[in-house]
Protein backbone atom coordinates (compact mmCIF):
# COMPACT_ATOMS: atom_id res chain seq x y z
CA MET A 1 -0.02 -0.01 -0.02
CA ARG A 2 1.24 3.45 -1.00
CA ILE A 3 0.26 6.47 1.08
CA ILE A 4 1.09 10.07 0.12
CA SER A 5 0.47 13.18 2.17
CA TRP A 6 0.76 16.81 1.11
CA ASN A 7 0.11 20.11 2.88
CA VAL A 8 -1.25 21.90 -0.14
CA ASN A 9 -1.64 25.29 1.51
CA GLY A 10 -5.00 25.86 -0.27
CA ILE A 11 -6.58 23.26 -2.59
CA ARG A 12 -8.10 25.93 -4.90
CA SER A 13 -4.75 27.48 -5.68
CA MET A 14 -3.12 24.10 -6.21
CA THR A 15 -5.83 23.26 -8.77
CA TYR A 16 -4.15 25.84 -11.07
CA LYS A 17 -0.52 25.01 -10.47
CA LEU A 18 1.74 22.61 -12.40
CA LYS A 19 4.26 20.21 -10.86
CA ASN A 20 6.98 22.92 -11.07
CA GLY A 21 4.74 25.46 -9.32
CA GLU A 22 4.00 27.55 -12.40
CA LYS A 23 0.41 28.57 -13.03
CA THR A 24 -1.84 26.66 -15.40
CA GLY A 25 -5.11 27.83 -16.87
CA SER A 26 -6.70 24.36 -16.65
CA PRO A 27 -7.85 22.44 -13.63
CA THR A 28 -7.46 19.25 -15.64
CA ASP A 29 -3.66 19.54 -15.80
CA ASN A 30 -1.98 20.32 -12.49
CA GLY A 31 0.71 19.21 -10.03
CA ILE A 32 -1.62 17.11 -7.91
CA GLN A 33 -2.82 15.10 -10.89
CA THR A 34 0.82 14.66 -12.02
CA LEU A 35 1.62 13.38 -8.54
CA ILE A 36 -1.18 10.81 -8.80
CA GLN A 37 -0.09 9.75 -12.27
CA GLU A 38 3.59 9.39 -11.34
CA GLN A 39 3.24 7.96 -7.83
CA ASN A 40 -0.08 6.06 -8.04
CA PRO A 41 -1.04 6.38 -4.34
CA ASP A 42 -3.62 4.09 -2.81
CA ILE A 43 -4.37 6.79 -0.24
CA LEU A 44 -3.81 10.50 -0.69
CA CYS A 45 -3.95 12.83 2.28
CA PHE A 46 -4.10 16.62 2.29
CA GLN A 47 -3.63 19.23 4.96
CA GLU A 48 -4.54 22.93 4.89
CA VAL A 49 -7.09 22.48 2.18
CA LYS A 50 -8.59 25.84 3.28
CA THR A 51 -12.06 25.20 1.95
CA GLN A 52 -15.57 24.29 3.16
CA ASN A 53 -16.61 22.83 -0.16
CA LYS A 54 -16.12 19.11 -1.00
CA SER A 55 -16.63 20.03 -4.67
CA ASP A 56 -13.13 21.64 -4.65
CA LEU A 57 -11.70 18.12 -4.50
CA GLU A 58 -13.97 16.52 -7.09
CA PHE A 59 -11.58 17.18 -10.02
CA LEU A 60 -9.40 14.34 -8.63
CA HIS A 61 -12.15 11.68 -9.15
CA PHE A 62 -11.49 9.44 -6.16
CA LYS A 63 -14.30 7.16 -5.13
CA TYR A 64 -14.09 7.99 -1.44
CA MET A 65 -13.40 11.58 -0.40
CA LEU A 66 -13.24 11.98 3.34
CA THR A 67 -13.10 15.61 4.53
CA ASN A 68 -12.86 17.41 7.87
CA PHE A 69 -13.11 21.17 7.22
CA ALA A 70 -12.47 23.94 9.72
CA LYS A 71 -15.45 26.11 10.84
CA LYS A 72 -13.39 29.20 10.05
CA LYS A 73 -13.26 29.99 6.31
CA GLY A 74 -9.91 29.84 4.55
CA TYR A 75 -8.29 27.99 7.48
CA SER A 76 -6.87 24.50 8.12
CA GLY A 77 -8.91 21.48 7.00
CA VAL A 78 -7.76 17.91 6.11
CA ALA A 79 -8.85 15.38 3.52
CA LEU A 80 -8.24 11.68 2.83
CA LEU A 81 -8.90 10.37 -0.73
CA THR A 82 -8.91 6.77 -1.81
CA ASN A 83 -10.53 4.23 -4.14
CA ILE A 84 -10.39 1.59 -1.43
CA ARG A 85 -13.53 1.29 0.64
CA PRO A 86 -12.68 1.97 4.33
CA GLU A 87 -13.98 -0.47 6.92
CA TRP A 88 -14.78 2.51 9.11
CA VAL A 89 -14.11 6.22 9.38
CA SER A 90 -13.85 8.55 12.36
CA TYR A 91 -13.50 12.34 12.50
CA ASP A 92 -11.71 14.33 15.20
CA PHE A 93 -11.58 12.11 18.33
CA ASN A 94 -15.15 10.86 18.33
CA MET A 95 -14.27 7.17 18.70
CA TYR A 96 -13.41 7.62 22.38
CA THR A 97 -14.70 9.40 25.40
CA GLU A 98 -12.87 12.00 27.50
CA GLU A 99 -12.55 9.39 30.20
CA GLN A 100 -10.57 7.20 27.77
CA LEU A 101 -8.51 9.96 26.22
CA GLY A 102 -7.91 12.04 29.32
CA PRO A 103 -9.01 15.68 29.87
CA TYR A 104 -7.96 18.39 27.48
CA HIS A 105 -8.80 22.09 27.38
CA TYR A 106 -9.05 23.11 23.76
CA ASP A 107 -11.76 22.45 21.19
CA PHE A 108 -9.76 21.09 18.27
CA VAL A 109 -13.01 19.94 16.67
CA GLN A 110 -13.60 23.50 15.29
CA GLU A 111 -10.30 23.42 13.35
CA GLY A 112 -10.65 20.39 11.02
CA ARG A 113 -7.38 18.69 11.99
CA ILE A 114 -7.76 14.92 11.94
CA ILE A 115 -9.35 12.05 10.04
CA THR A 116 -8.96 8.32 10.87
CA ALA A 117 -9.80 5.52 8.44
CA ARG A 118 -9.45 1.75 8.98
CA PHE A 119 -8.59 -0.37 5.97
CA LYS A 120 -8.05 -4.12 5.81
CA ASN A 121 -4.31 -3.92 6.52
CA VAL A 122 -3.77 -0.52 8.11
CA VAL A 123 -5.33 2.27 10.17
CA VAL A 124 -4.47 5.66 8.66
CA VAL A 125 -4.71 8.82 10.78
CA THR A 126 -4.03 12.04 8.79
CA VAL A 127 -3.39 15.20 10.84
CA TYR A 128 -2.62 18.86 10.62
CA VAL A 129 -1.07 19.74 13.99
CA PRO A 130 -1.56 23.17 15.55
CA ASN A 131 1.35 25.56 15.33
CA SER A 132 2.57 26.91 18.67
CA GLN A 133 2.84 30.40 17.09
CA ASP A 134 5.22 33.32 17.77
CA GLU A 135 6.72 33.52 21.22
CA LEU A 136 5.23 30.01 21.78
CA ALA A 137 1.92 31.72 22.52
CA ARG A 138 0.00 28.52 21.79
CA LEU A 139 2.35 26.13 23.54
CA GLU A 140 -0.31 24.96 26.01
CA ASP A 141 -2.67 24.09 23.16
CA ARG A 142 0.20 22.22 21.62
CA TYR A 143 0.74 20.24 24.79
CA ASN A 144 -2.95 19.44 24.92
CA TRP A 145 -2.82 18.24 21.34
CA GLU A 146 0.21 16.02 21.90
CA ARG A 147 -1.27 14.35 25.01
CA LEU A 148 -4.60 13.81 23.28
CA VAL A 149 -3.14 12.31 20.09
CA ARG A 150 -0.69 10.16 22.14
CA ASN A 151 -3.54 8.63 24.09
CA TYR A 152 -5.67 8.31 20.93
CA LEU A 153 -2.92 6.42 19.02
CA LYS A 154 -2.24 4.17 21.98
CA LEU A 155 -5.88 3.13 22.01
CA LEU A 156 -5.99 2.60 18.24
CA LYS A 157 -2.83 0.48 18.53
CA GLU A 158 -4.26 -1.62 21.32
CA GLU A 159 -7.63 -2.19 19.63
CA ASN A 160 -6.45 -2.98 16.07
CA SER A 161 -4.44 -5.95 14.89
CA VAL A 162 -3.00 -3.98 11.92
CA PRO A 163 -0.36 -1.21 11.93
CA VAL A 164 -1.42 2.30 12.81
CA VAL A 165 -0.03 5.12 10.66
CA LEU A 166 -0.11 8.81 11.57
CA ILE A 167 0.77 10.92 8.57
CA GLY A 168 0.67 14.65 7.82
CA ASP A 169 2.03 18.03 8.88
CA ILE A 170 3.08 17.72 12.51
CA ASN A 171 4.45 21.28 12.65
CA ILE A 172 7.66 20.20 14.37
CA ALA A 173 11.16 19.33 13.21
CA PRO A 174 11.90 16.30 15.45
CA GLU A 175 15.69 16.43 15.40
CA GLU A 176 18.47 18.92 14.61
CA ILE A 177 19.11 17.18 11.26
CA ASP A 178 15.48 18.03 10.30
CA ILE A 179 16.01 21.81 10.21
CA HIS A 180 18.48 24.15 8.49
CA ASN A 181 20.79 25.90 10.94
CA PRO A 182 19.28 24.47 14.17
CA LYS A 183 21.65 26.35 16.52
CA VAL A 184 19.80 29.68 16.03
CA LYS A 185 16.25 28.22 16.18
CA LYS A 186 16.10 26.78 19.72
CA ARG A 187 13.10 29.01 20.65
CA THR A 188 11.53 29.01 17.24
CA PRO A 189 7.95 27.57 17.12
CA GLY A 190 8.16 24.05 15.74
CA PHE A 191 11.68 23.51 17.03
CA SER A 192 11.54 24.49 20.71
CA ILE A 193 12.96 22.08 23.28
CA GLU A 194 9.54 21.92 24.92
CA GLU A 195 7.75 20.80 21.75
CA ARG A 196 10.39 18.29 20.75
CA GLU A 197 10.50 16.70 24.20
CA GLU A 198 6.70 16.32 24.17
CA PHE A 199 6.78 14.86 20.67
CA LYS A 200 9.42 12.24 21.72
CA LYS A 201 6.90 10.77 24.18
CA LEU A 202 4.88 9.60 21.14
CA LEU A 203 7.90 7.74 19.82
CA GLU A 204 8.40 6.20 23.22
CA VAL A 205 4.95 4.52 23.19
CA GLY A 206 5.93 2.49 20.10
CA PHE A 207 5.73 4.66 16.98
CA VAL A 208 8.60 5.04 14.46
CA ASP A 209 9.44 7.97 12.19
CA SER A 210 9.48 6.05 8.90
CA PHE A 211 11.72 8.42 6.94
CA ARG A 212 14.29 8.63 9.72
CA HIS A 213 14.17 4.87 10.19
CA LEU A 214 15.38 4.40 6.61
CA HIS A 215 17.46 7.55 5.97
CA SER A 216 20.20 9.34 7.90
CA ASP A 217 20.46 12.32 5.54
CA ALA A 218 18.93 15.77 5.81
CA LYS A 219 15.88 16.25 3.59
CA TYR A 220 13.19 18.88 4.04
CA THR A 221 9.41 19.11 3.40
CA TYR A 222 8.74 22.83 4.12
CA TRP A 223 10.42 26.06 3.11
CA SER A 224 9.55 29.64 3.96
CA ASN A 225 8.22 31.71 1.06
CA PHE A 226 10.78 34.42 1.87
CA HIS A 227 14.49 34.88 0.98
CA ASN A 228 14.49 32.14 -1.68
CA ALA A 229 14.50 29.52 1.07
CA ARG A 230 13.53 26.62 -1.21
CA GLU A 231 16.10 27.48 -3.90
CA LYS A 232 18.76 27.61 -1.16
CA ASN A 233 17.31 24.47 0.53
CA LYS A 234 16.94 26.21 3.89
CA GLY A 235 14.04 24.17 5.08
CA TRP A 236 12.40 22.05 7.70
CA ARG A 237 11.20 18.42 7.77
CA ILE A 238 7.83 18.83 9.49
CA ASP A 239 5.72 16.48 7.41
CA VAL A 240 6.19 12.93 8.69
CA ALA A 241 4.72 9.39 8.62
CA LEU A 242 4.81 7.55 11.90
CA ILE A 243 3.99 3.85 12.07
CA SER A 244 3.47 1.41 14.94
CA ASP A 245 5.22 -1.47 13.15
CA LYS A 246 8.58 -0.55 11.58
CA ASP A 247 8.88 -3.96 9.92
CA LYS A 248 6.04 -2.98 7.56
CA ILE A 249 7.98 0.00 6.09
CA CYS A 250 8.97 -0.63 2.50
CA ALA A 251 9.86 2.92 1.44
CA ALA A 252 9.65 6.44 2.88
CA ASP A 253 10.65 9.67 1.12
CA CYS A 254 10.20 13.40 0.72
CA LEU A 255 9.05 14.14 -2.85
CA THR A 256 10.94 17.38 -3.23
CA GLU A 257 10.46 17.56 -6.99
CA PHE A 258 6.85 18.68 -6.50
CA TYR A 259 6.16 22.39 -6.14
CA GLY A 260 3.09 24.59 -5.82
CA SER A 261 2.87 24.73 -2.03
CA ASP A 262 5.36 25.81 0.62
CA HIS A 263 5.46 22.08 1.47
CA CYS A 264 6.33 19.08 -0.67
CA PRO A 265 4.52 15.69 -0.54
CA ILE A 266 5.77 12.74 1.52
CA LEU A 267 5.53 9.07 0.70
CA LEU A 268 5.10 6.00 2.84
CA GLU A 269 4.97 2.54 1.18
CA LEU A 270 4.05 -0.50 3.28
CA LYS A 271 4.96 -4.13 2.64
């Protein structure tokens, strides 16, 4: 099974962008369709779709289009597209009660950040994780999210006999190798010590960073739109695929040849 995830930073704008990022006048010829043709994903996940209209995804012609949109217009939103019929689907954290997940103090349901789908051989959770924002103003919300997702994934892992995959934009560079010039970014949102320490707790409960499991080199998935960051390859690896069974990993990569967003797609292929 091949799973691809991409923070598209607005599905409508991506509809009119080619693989190289240049504009196209036709929604029938764009970078997302090229990605599908070249990579042939079984499951395609999007983050930051920034729409409330499912019709904005219909040009891709998948049989099953699962969406979780934010209440706020032009903000957040995730989608999972596939031609494989899911055994079940859950949105947000509705599968479990607060007693099972533990108390948390922020309503992530309003922000369209998570979809879970169970297939025959895998449970896929696609996420768009909250940014802790300047001066770490939203750090407490980030802590709440990490604790909530950690408990959620533990329950999924315990209750399913197949691997659990969490894939998407986690808004954190896990290690120093995952960010350009780490020494000057210790208090930068997405690379603070506090955030990275909290994220490591997820790895400690049995999840593996698939790309880092296979690769020891620096490769990025996000670049700022300023100062020619992508051309200079001054980026971050903040889009990841975590899995509960590392033996199922066949391939994992960052598809840096695809442009159009400030992120590139990532790939996870399972045996």
